[in-house]
Protein backbone atom coordinates (compact mmCIF):
# COMPACT_ATOMS: atom_id res chain seq x y z
CA MET A 1 120.19 85.26 89.31
CA THR A 2 120.46 86.07 85.61
CA ASP A 3 123.57 87.52 83.94
CA SER A 4 121.97 90.96 83.65
CA GLY A 5 121.18 93.63 86.22
CA LEU A 6 123.48 93.66 89.24
CA ASN A 7 125.47 90.78 87.77
CA ALA A 8 126.67 93.19 85.10
CA LEU A 9 128.45 95.24 87.79
CA LYS A 10 132.08 94.53 88.56
CA GLU A 11 132.45 91.57 90.93
CA GLY A 12 133.16 92.76 94.48
CA ALA A 13 132.62 96.38 93.42
CA ARG A 14 132.63 99.23 95.94
CA ILE A 15 129.15 100.81 96.09
CA TYR A 16 128.49 104.04 97.99
CA PHE A 17 124.92 105.02 98.99
CA ILE A 18 124.24 108.75 99.51
CA GLY A 19 121.31 108.99 101.94
CA ILE A 20 121.94 105.46 103.18
CA GLY A 21 119.76 105.86 106.28
CA GLY A 22 116.53 106.05 104.28
CA ILE A 23 113.98 103.27 104.65
CA SER A 24 114.53 101.93 101.13
CA MET A 25 118.20 102.87 100.76
CA SER A 26 119.20 101.07 103.94
CA GLY A 27 117.53 97.91 102.68
CA LEU A 28 119.19 98.13 99.28
CA ALA A 29 122.56 98.64 100.97
CA LEU A 30 122.01 95.46 103.01
CA LEU A 31 121.09 93.52 99.88
CA ALA A 32 124.18 94.84 98.07
CA LYS A 33 126.31 93.71 101.01
CA GLY A 34 124.65 90.30 100.85
CA TYR A 35 125.49 90.02 97.15
CA GLY A 36 129.17 90.40 97.95
CA PHE A 37 129.71 94.07 97.15
CA ASN A 38 131.83 96.33 99.38
CA VAL A 39 129.28 98.82 100.69
CA GLY A 40 129.52 102.23 102.32
CA GLY A 41 127.45 105.35 102.46
CA SER A 42 126.58 108.65 104.09
CA ASP A 43 123.67 110.17 105.94
CA MET A 44 123.46 113.52 107.68
CA ASN A 45 121.12 112.10 110.31
CA PRO A 46 122.57 109.21 112.37
CA SER A 47 119.86 106.76 113.39
CA GLU A 48 119.15 103.24 114.53
CA ARG A 49 119.20 102.24 110.88
CA THR A 50 122.69 103.62 110.26
CA GLU A 51 123.87 101.92 113.47
CA MET A 52 122.40 98.65 112.22
CA LEU A 53 124.17 99.04 108.88
CA ALA A 54 127.49 99.64 110.64
CA GLU A 55 126.93 96.46 112.65
CA HIS A 56 126.67 94.62 109.32
CA GLY A 57 130.10 95.84 108.29
CA ILE A 58 128.94 98.77 106.17
CA LYS A 59 131.11 101.90 106.38
CA ILE A 60 128.96 104.85 107.50
CA TYR A 61 129.83 108.54 107.15
CA ASN A 62 127.78 111.08 109.13
CA SER A 63 128.66 113.90 106.77
CA GLN A 64 128.38 114.47 103.05
CA VAL A 65 131.69 115.89 101.86
CA ALA A 66 133.92 115.24 98.86
CA GLU A 67 136.57 113.69 101.10
CA ASN A 68 134.28 110.73 101.80
CA ILE A 69 134.26 109.81 98.12
CA ALA A 70 138.04 110.15 97.91
CA GLU A 71 138.49 107.92 100.97
CA PHE A 72 135.98 105.19 100.09
CA ALA A 73 136.90 105.22 96.37
CA PRO A 74 133.61 103.76 95.10
CA ASP A 75 133.10 102.14 91.72
CA TYR A 76 129.43 103.11 91.75
CA ILE A 77 127.22 105.64 93.52
CA VAL A 78 123.56 105.18 94.47
CA LYS A 79 121.62 108.27 95.57
CA THR A 80 118.09 109.14 96.57
CA ALA A 81 115.94 111.51 94.54
CA ALA A 82 116.31 114.08 97.34
CA ILE A 83 120.07 114.36 96.73
CA LEU A 84 120.69 117.26 94.34
CA PRO A 85 123.49 117.58 91.72
CA HIS A 86 125.35 120.21 93.78
CA ASN A 87 125.71 117.82 96.73
CA PRO A 88 129.47 117.67 97.46
CA GLU A 89 129.61 113.88 97.18
CA VAL A 90 127.67 113.85 93.91
CA ALA A 91 129.84 116.65 92.55
CA LYS A 92 133.03 114.75 93.46
CA ALA A 93 131.73 111.50 91.96
CA THR A 94 130.74 113.34 88.78
CA GLU A 95 134.17 114.96 88.60
CA ASP A 96 135.84 111.55 89.01
CA GLY A 97 133.64 109.96 86.34
CA ILE A 98 132.00 107.50 88.74
CA LYS A 99 128.75 105.94 87.50
CA ILE A 100 125.80 107.35 89.50
CA TYR A 101 122.49 105.50 89.87
CA ASP A 102 119.29 106.91 91.30
CA ARG A 103 117.72 104.62 93.91
CA SER A 104 115.00 103.53 91.48
CA GLU A 105 117.59 102.71 88.80
CA PHE A 106 119.52 100.52 91.22
CA LEU A 107 116.32 98.76 92.28
CA GLY A 108 115.60 98.35 88.58
CA LEU A 109 118.92 96.56 88.18
CA LEU A 110 117.84 94.27 91.01
CA THR A 111 114.63 93.38 89.15
CA GLU A 112 116.69 92.53 86.05
CA SER A 113 118.81 90.16 88.12
CA TYR A 114 116.09 87.61 88.94
CA THR A 115 114.24 85.12 86.76
CA SER A 116 110.87 85.75 88.46
CA VAL A 117 109.97 89.18 89.83
CA ILE A 118 106.77 90.11 91.67
CA ASN A 119 106.33 93.90 91.82
CA ILE A 120 103.43 95.10 93.98
CA SER A 121 102.18 98.59 93.20
CA GLY A 122 99.16 100.72 94.02
CA THR A 123 98.37 103.98 95.77
CA HIS A 124 97.54 102.21 99.03
CA GLY A 125 98.36 98.83 100.57
CA LYS A 126 101.69 98.12 98.88
CA THR A 127 103.69 97.35 102.02
CA THR A 128 101.04 95.15 103.61
CA THR A 129 100.40 93.22 100.40
CA THR A 130 104.12 92.76 99.70
CA SER A 131 104.64 91.51 103.26
CA MET A 132 101.76 89.04 102.99
CA THR A 133 102.97 87.75 99.61
CA SER A 134 106.48 87.25 100.97
CA LEU A 135 105.29 85.25 103.97
CA MET A 136 103.18 82.99 101.75
CA LEU A 137 106.15 82.22 99.50
CA ILE A 138 108.48 81.70 102.46
CA GLU A 139 105.96 79.33 104.04
CA ALA A 140 105.79 77.45 100.74
CA GLY A 141 109.57 76.99 100.74
CA LYS A 142 110.23 79.34 97.79
CA ASP A 143 112.82 81.35 99.80
CA PRO A 144 112.39 84.70 97.98
CA THR A 145 114.48 87.83 98.23
CA VAL A 146 112.24 90.67 99.43
CA HIS A 147 112.37 94.47 99.31
CA LEU A 148 109.84 96.34 101.47
CA GLY A 149 109.01 99.96 102.21
CA ALA A 150 108.76 99.38 105.96
CA GLU A 151 110.50 97.45 108.71
CA PHE A 152 109.06 93.98 109.25
CA ASP A 153 109.31 91.87 112.41
CA ALA A 154 109.37 88.67 110.36
CA PHE A 155 112.63 89.93 108.81
CA GLY A 156 114.18 90.73 112.18
CA GLY A 157 113.05 94.34 111.96
CA SER A 158 114.71 94.82 108.55
CA THR A 159 113.12 96.13 105.37
CA VAL A 160 114.68 93.37 103.27
CA ARG A 161 115.27 89.64 103.17
CA LEU A 162 118.04 88.00 101.14
CA GLY A 163 116.73 84.65 99.99
CA GLY A 164 118.73 81.58 99.15
CA ASN A 165 116.64 81.19 96.00
CA LYS A 166 118.18 83.57 93.48
CA ASP A 167 115.29 83.03 91.06
CA LEU A 168 112.54 84.91 92.92
CA LEU A 169 112.27 88.56 94.00
CA VAL A 170 109.28 90.22 95.69
CA SER A 171 109.39 94.01 95.80
CA GLU A 172 107.26 96.99 96.61
CA ALA A 173 106.95 99.22 93.54
CA CYS A 174 106.15 102.90 94.09
CA GLU A 175 104.88 105.28 91.40
CA PHE A 176 106.46 108.39 93.01
CA LYS A 177 108.45 110.24 90.35
CA ARG A 178 107.62 107.35 87.98
CA SER A 179 110.23 105.21 89.70
CA PHE A 180 108.43 101.91 89.12
CA LEU A 181 108.86 102.34 85.37
CA GLN A 182 112.45 101.19 85.97
CA PHE A 183 111.29 97.78 87.24
CA ARG A 184 110.89 94.60 85.20
CA SER A 185 108.09 92.26 86.32
CA THR A 186 106.94 88.74 85.65
CA THR A 187 104.00 89.39 87.99
CA ALA A 188 102.83 92.98 88.50
CA ALA A 189 100.11 93.75 91.04
CA ILE A 190 98.03 96.93 91.28
CA THR A 191 96.13 97.15 94.56
CA ASN A 192 94.23 100.36 93.70
CA ILE A 193 94.67 103.65 91.85
CA ASP A 194 93.94 106.93 93.62
CA HIS A 195 95.08 110.53 93.07
CA ASP A 196 98.31 110.96 95.00
CA HIS A 197 101.82 112.41 94.58
CA VAL A 198 100.18 115.49 93.13
CA ASP A 199 103.55 117.17 92.56
CA CYS A 200 104.24 114.43 89.97
CA TYR A 201 100.70 113.81 88.72
CA PRO A 202 98.47 116.91 88.51
CA THR A 203 95.36 114.88 87.59
CA ILE A 204 93.98 111.39 88.23
CA GLU A 205 94.28 110.80 84.47
CA ASP A 206 98.04 111.20 84.81
CA VAL A 207 98.07 108.53 87.52
CA ILE A 208 95.96 106.17 85.42
CA GLU A 209 98.37 106.63 82.50
CA VAL A 210 101.54 105.92 84.49
CA PHE A 211 100.10 102.68 85.88
CA ALA A 212 99.33 101.67 82.29
CA GLU A 213 102.98 102.36 81.44
CA PHE A 214 104.00 100.19 84.41
CA THR A 215 102.43 97.18 82.68
CA ASP A 216 104.76 97.71 79.69
CA LYS A 217 107.56 96.27 81.83
CA VAL A 218 105.71 92.99 82.48
CA ASP A 219 107.04 89.99 80.55
CA ASP A 220 104.67 88.93 77.76
CA ASN A 221 104.05 85.56 79.44
CA GLY A 222 103.62 87.15 82.86
CA TYR A 223 100.62 88.24 84.94
CA ILE A 224 98.93 91.49 85.93
CA VAL A 225 97.07 91.04 89.25
CA VAL A 226 94.47 93.70 90.04
CA THR A 227 91.55 94.60 92.23
CA GLY A 228 88.77 93.93 89.75
CA THR A 229 86.28 96.40 91.25
CA ASP A 230 88.55 99.47 91.10
CA GLU A 231 87.21 101.77 88.37
CA ASN A 232 90.53 103.58 87.88
CA ILE A 233 92.32 100.25 87.44
CA LYS A 234 89.77 99.30 84.75
CA LYS A 235 90.54 102.57 82.94
CA SER A 236 94.28 101.97 83.29
CA LEU A 237 94.01 98.44 81.88
CA ALA A 238 92.10 99.80 78.89
CA VAL A 239 94.91 102.30 78.27
CA ALA A 240 97.46 99.52 78.78
CA ALA A 241 95.73 97.25 76.25
CA GLU A 242 95.78 100.06 73.71
CA ARG A 243 99.48 100.71 74.38
CA HIS A 244 100.31 97.03 73.93
CA GLU A 245 98.28 96.80 70.72
CA LYS A 246 100.12 99.79 69.24
CA ALA A 247 103.43 98.13 70.14
CA GLY A 248 102.37 94.88 68.52
CA ARG A 249 102.17 93.07 71.85
CA LYS A 250 99.40 91.27 73.69
CA LEU A 251 98.55 92.38 77.22
CA PRO A 252 99.77 89.78 79.74
CA SER A 253 97.15 87.66 81.50
CA VAL A 254 95.02 89.77 83.87
CA ILE A 255 94.03 88.10 87.16
CA THR A 256 91.22 89.85 89.04
CA CYS A 257 90.56 89.89 92.79
CA ALA A 258 87.44 91.10 94.58
CA ALA A 259 86.09 90.94 98.10
CA ASP A 260 82.46 91.62 97.22
CA GLY A 261 81.50 88.30 95.65
CA SER A 262 81.74 89.64 92.10
CA ASP A 263 82.88 87.56 89.14
CA ALA A 264 86.63 87.68 89.85
CA ASP A 265 89.36 85.04 89.71
CA PHE A 266 90.20 85.33 93.43
CA THR A 267 87.27 86.10 95.69
CA ALA A 268 86.45 86.39 99.39
CA LYS A 269 83.19 84.78 100.51
CA ASN A 270 81.36 84.25 103.81
CA ILE A 271 82.96 87.34 105.35
CA GLU A 272 82.48 87.98 109.06
CA PHE A 273 84.27 90.10 111.64
CA VAL A 274 85.44 88.54 114.89
CA GLU A 275 86.51 91.18 117.44
CA GLY A 276 87.18 93.50 114.53
CA HIS A 277 89.24 91.05 112.48
CA PRO A 278 87.96 89.79 109.12
CA HIS A 279 87.41 86.05 108.63
CA PHE A 280 86.57 84.84 105.12
CA ASP A 281 86.88 81.98 102.64
CA VAL A 282 89.39 82.42 99.81
CA TYR A 283 88.32 81.07 96.42
CA PHE A 284 90.21 80.79 93.13
CA LYS A 285 88.01 80.25 90.08
CA GLY A 286 85.34 78.58 92.22
CA ASP A 287 87.70 76.35 94.21
CA LYS A 288 88.05 77.03 97.93
CA LEU A 289 91.68 77.47 99.00
CA GLY A 290 90.86 77.77 102.70
CA ARG A 291 89.47 80.07 105.38
CA ALA A 292 91.49 83.10 106.39
CA GLU A 293 91.25 84.47 109.92
CA LEU A 294 93.21 87.72 109.82
CA ARG A 295 94.97 89.28 112.78
CA VAL A 296 94.89 92.71 111.08
CA PRO A 297 91.61 94.69 110.89
CA GLY A 298 89.72 96.30 108.05
CA ASN A 299 87.94 95.51 104.81
CA HIS A 300 90.97 96.87 102.96
CA ASN A 301 93.02 94.00 104.34
CA ILE A 302 90.62 91.52 102.76
CA ALA A 303 91.48 93.16 99.43
CA ASN A 304 95.20 93.12 100.25
CA SER A 305 94.96 89.44 101.19
CA LEU A 306 93.40 88.48 97.87
CA ILE A 307 96.04 90.32 95.84
CA ALA A 308 98.78 88.67 97.91
CA ALA A 309 97.19 85.23 97.56
CA ALA A 310 97.00 85.64 93.80
CA CYS A 311 100.63 86.75 93.49
CA ALA A 312 101.85 83.89 95.66
CA TYR A 313 99.63 81.23 94.06
CA LEU A 314 100.75 82.22 90.54
CA ASN A 315 104.35 81.83 91.69
CA GLY A 316 104.03 78.36 93.16
CA ALA A 317 102.70 78.78 96.70
CA ASP A 318 100.26 76.04 97.76
CA PRO A 319 96.86 76.87 99.29
CA GLU A 320 97.86 75.60 102.75
CA SER A 321 100.89 77.92 102.86
CA ILE A 322 98.82 80.87 101.65
CA ILE A 323 96.19 80.44 104.36
CA LYS A 324 98.74 79.73 107.10
CA ALA A 325 100.70 82.89 106.24
CA LEU A 326 97.53 85.01 106.22
CA ASN A 327 96.47 83.69 109.60
CA GLU A 328 99.88 84.40 111.13
CA PHE A 329 100.45 87.83 109.54
CA GLY A 330 100.71 90.49 112.25
CA GLY A 331 101.22 93.55 110.06
CA ALA A 332 104.20 95.61 108.90
CA ASP A 333 105.63 98.47 110.92
CA GLY A 334 103.45 101.59 110.84
CA ARG A 335 100.47 99.76 109.33
CA TYR A 336 97.81 99.61 112.04
CA THR A 337 100.56 98.97 114.58
CA ILE A 338 99.32 98.66 118.16
CA LYS A 339 102.01 100.36 120.25
CA GLY A 340 100.54 99.41 123.63
CA LYS A 341 98.22 100.84 126.27
CA TYR A 342 98.15 104.44 127.52
CA LYS A 343 95.89 105.17 130.50
CA GLY A 344 93.68 102.25 129.54
CA CYS A 345 93.50 103.17 125.83
CA ASP A 346 94.85 101.22 122.86
CA VAL A 347 97.45 103.34 121.05
CA VAL A 348 97.51 102.58 117.31
CA VAL A 349 99.78 104.18 114.69
CA ASP A 350 99.37 104.02 110.93
CA TYR A 351 101.09 105.65 107.95
CA ALA A 352 97.67 106.59 106.51
CA HIS A 353 98.36 110.19 105.44
CA HIS A 354 96.25 110.22 102.28
CA PRO A 355 92.51 110.96 102.69
CA THR A 356 91.43 107.56 101.32
CA ALA A 357 93.92 105.65 103.45
CA ALA A 358 92.89 107.61 106.52
CA ARG A 359 89.22 106.79 105.97
CA VAL A 360 89.74 103.03 105.54
CA THR A 361 92.02 102.94 108.59
CA ILE A 362 89.45 104.76 110.70
CA ASP A 363 86.81 102.32 109.42
CA ALA A 364 89.08 99.44 110.45
CA ALA A 365 89.41 100.91 113.96
CA GLU A 366 85.63 101.24 114.17
CA HIS A 367 85.34 97.45 113.76
CA MET A 368 87.61 96.93 116.79
CA PRO A 369 86.27 96.79 120.37
CA HIS A 370 86.30 100.35 121.75
CA ASN A 371 84.40 103.11 123.49
CA ASP A 372 85.41 106.19 121.47
CA ILE A 373 88.10 106.78 118.86
CA LEU A 374 90.31 109.85 119.20
CA VAL A 375 92.00 110.50 115.85
CA VAL A 376 95.32 112.36 115.73
CA PHE A 377 96.19 113.33 112.16
CA GLN A 378 99.12 114.89 110.31
CA PRO A 379 99.00 115.42 106.53
CA LEU A 380 102.15 114.71 104.51
CA THR A 381 103.42 117.40 102.08
CA PHE A 382 101.94 120.83 101.43
CA ASN A 383 101.14 120.18 97.76
CA ARG A 384 99.14 117.03 98.53
CA THR A 385 97.20 118.84 101.27
CA LYS A 386 96.43 121.78 99.01
CA MET A 387 95.37 119.67 96.01
CA LEU A 388 93.32 117.14 98.02
CA PHE A 389 91.93 119.62 100.56
CA GLU A 390 88.26 118.74 99.95
CA ASP A 391 89.05 115.02 100.17
CA TYR A 392 90.75 115.55 103.54
CA VAL A 393 87.72 117.43 104.86
CA THR A 394 85.12 114.92 103.69
CA SER A 395 87.18 111.88 104.77
CA LEU A 396 87.83 113.20 108.27
CA LEU A 397 84.57 115.07 108.93
CA PRO A 398 82.78 111.94 110.31
CA CYS A 399 85.36 111.55 113.11
CA LYS A 400 83.80 112.10 116.53
CA LYS A 401 86.91 114.01 117.57
CA ILE A 402 90.09 114.77 115.63
CA LEU A 403 93.29 116.57 116.63
CA PHE A 404 95.52 117.97 113.88
CA SER A 405 99.27 118.44 113.89
CA GLU A 406 100.85 120.76 111.34
CA ILE A 407 101.63 119.42 107.86
CA PHE A 408 104.96 117.60 107.58
CA SER A 409 107.20 117.74 104.51
CA ASP A 410 110.89 116.98 104.16
CA ARG A 411 111.05 117.92 100.48
CA GLU A 412 109.10 121.18 100.21
CA ILE A 413 109.35 124.73 101.47
CA ASN A 414 106.37 125.93 103.50
CA THR A 415 105.07 128.97 101.62
CA GLY A 416 102.29 129.53 104.15
CA GLU A 417 99.52 128.87 101.60
CA ILE A 418 98.12 125.84 103.39
CA SER A 419 97.99 124.55 106.97
CA SER A 420 96.38 121.70 108.86
CA LYS A 421 94.48 124.45 110.64
CA ASP A 422 92.64 125.14 107.39
CA ILE A 423 91.32 121.56 107.35
CA SER A 424 90.43 121.77 111.04
CA ASP A 425 88.56 125.06 110.57
CA GLU A 426 86.62 123.73 107.57
CA ILE A 427 85.62 120.56 109.41
CA ASN A 428 84.30 122.67 112.28
CA ARG A 429 82.49 124.96 109.85
CA ARG A 430 80.66 121.89 108.51
CA GLY A 431 79.62 120.72 111.97
CA GLY A 432 82.54 118.46 112.88
CA ASP A 433 84.75 118.57 115.96
CA ALA A 434 88.41 119.27 115.21
CA GLU A 435 91.27 121.06 116.94
CA PHE A 436 94.63 122.22 115.58
CA PHE A 437 97.91 122.20 117.52
CA ALA A 438 101.09 123.84 116.30
CA ASP A 439 102.97 122.32 119.25
CA LYS A 440 103.09 118.54 119.75
CA GLU A 441 103.44 118.82 123.53
CA ASP A 442 100.20 120.83 123.66
CA LEU A 443 98.60 118.14 121.51
CA ARG A 444 99.80 115.41 123.88
CA LYS A 445 98.36 117.29 126.87
CA ARG A 446 95.02 117.60 125.06
CA ILE A 447 94.98 113.83 124.52
CA ASP A 448 95.24 113.40 128.31
CA GLU A 449 92.23 115.68 128.78
CA LEU A 450 90.04 113.85 126.26
CA ILE A 451 90.65 110.14 126.67
CA LYS A 452 89.03 107.62 128.96
CA PRO A 453 89.77 103.89 129.46
CA GLY A 454 88.55 101.73 126.59
CA ASP A 455 89.14 104.39 123.93
CA ILE A 456 91.39 104.00 120.89
CA ILE A 457 94.00 106.69 120.24
CA LEU A 458 94.51 106.44 116.46
CA ILE A 459 97.62 108.33 115.27
CA LEU A 460 97.71 108.72 111.49
CA GLY A 461 100.41 110.17 109.25
CA PRO A 462 104.16 110.19 108.65
CA GLU A 463 106.83 109.11 111.12
CA ASP A 464 106.95 112.66 112.52
CA ILE A 465 103.54 112.16 114.18
CA ARG A 466 103.68 108.37 114.59
CA HIS A 467 106.59 108.97 116.98
CA LEU A 468 103.91 110.20 119.40
CA GLY A 469 102.97 106.54 119.80
CA ASP A 470 106.43 105.84 121.18
CA VAL A 471 106.10 108.84 123.51
CA LEU A 472 102.81 107.53 124.90
CA CYS A 473 104.05 103.89 125.05
CA PRO A 474 107.84 104.22 125.39
CA LYS A 475 108.47 100.50 125.76
CA GLY A 476 105.50 99.16 123.82
CA GLY A 477 103.74 98.34 127.07
CA GLU A 478 101.17 99.98 129.30
CA ALA A 479 101.57 103.50 130.58
């Protein structure tokens, strides 16, 4: 590790995480513990994650009151963006003059602490691509530290991995609330650019601009790895080049990836699908690195594989390790995760809550052996659903049958302006076949009425609806 970033904090400091049970916060707390800090934190919702943190010697409070701060006596506070200034713990820390970091700022310190930092961004595919990259580097003996946005079996079900090599960090980098602008990179990947997080970015032009800003944080002698066929990425790179020129800097080397045989640096050739899984040759500048035989479905995972291969190769992974890791990769939690069998049907859950992600995931399922596909869908956030309404309708209209659960949001108030029922009604008006269920138990009963052995039950959306997969397959087996 360098002498900046987390190394600038007091040795053995006491760090308190407010909202410690979150998917990213819990991982950062584990990393902080691994770095030798004294870690504690609070969360109003006890969970398996908070239990796991306690097992690692992290002090957990199941309330958020000023007394917790007085008792733990932290040197530093880390909070999520959802924690507001009037929160009692934040108010007490402010009163006591304790330094407070937002989650993204703390992760930014982490990126300043390592010599080489691979940040993987993009509207879709970040978690899968980061997971793939990490496995390639681990297989190659590079022993990276890793920060993911999902739990990963290869990390013992954790979201993070503390490597013995303090020179290499691999991290997922999210654009929500511009958080990734806090992160330094030596290699920055952009998987794709789509209109999302509409509460932060009213237009696609705003999204294109913020990804261009993201490249400002790449070291001059670093790399920008992109999907070369993505038109919005091309626009963003043009903006980025202009920004760099105005600043008197040269844009770092751009490495392109493409799965369609175009003139890119990393390409996929001789693509075929075997029982729904893509098999293809990976080439770098005309040289064959090997043949990948993925265990995860979908054309989008060919694209993810190429981005991952590029990031790993540029950071010292050999071709054999890259191919071996791709062929052994079984997916990250909530990314086309097969939960088990229910009444002879494969039950699959996926985080795909955005219209584009939903479409590519449904396409991936269509490549798998099946009779029919029953799609269960829940949009995430009211603003996104309202702004991307037409995209939801057109993406989901081709489904043979789709069941909607009500929109989920943990950061907005439901004003009643938009409902999943509106999408369902519009799909039916255009000749599709959709049903809306305000009650999840009614939805589950309708699944029983519709399915037959050999079907795929594809459950798409946030954890609120993906939990239905655990209900149908409570022990990951056959029900």
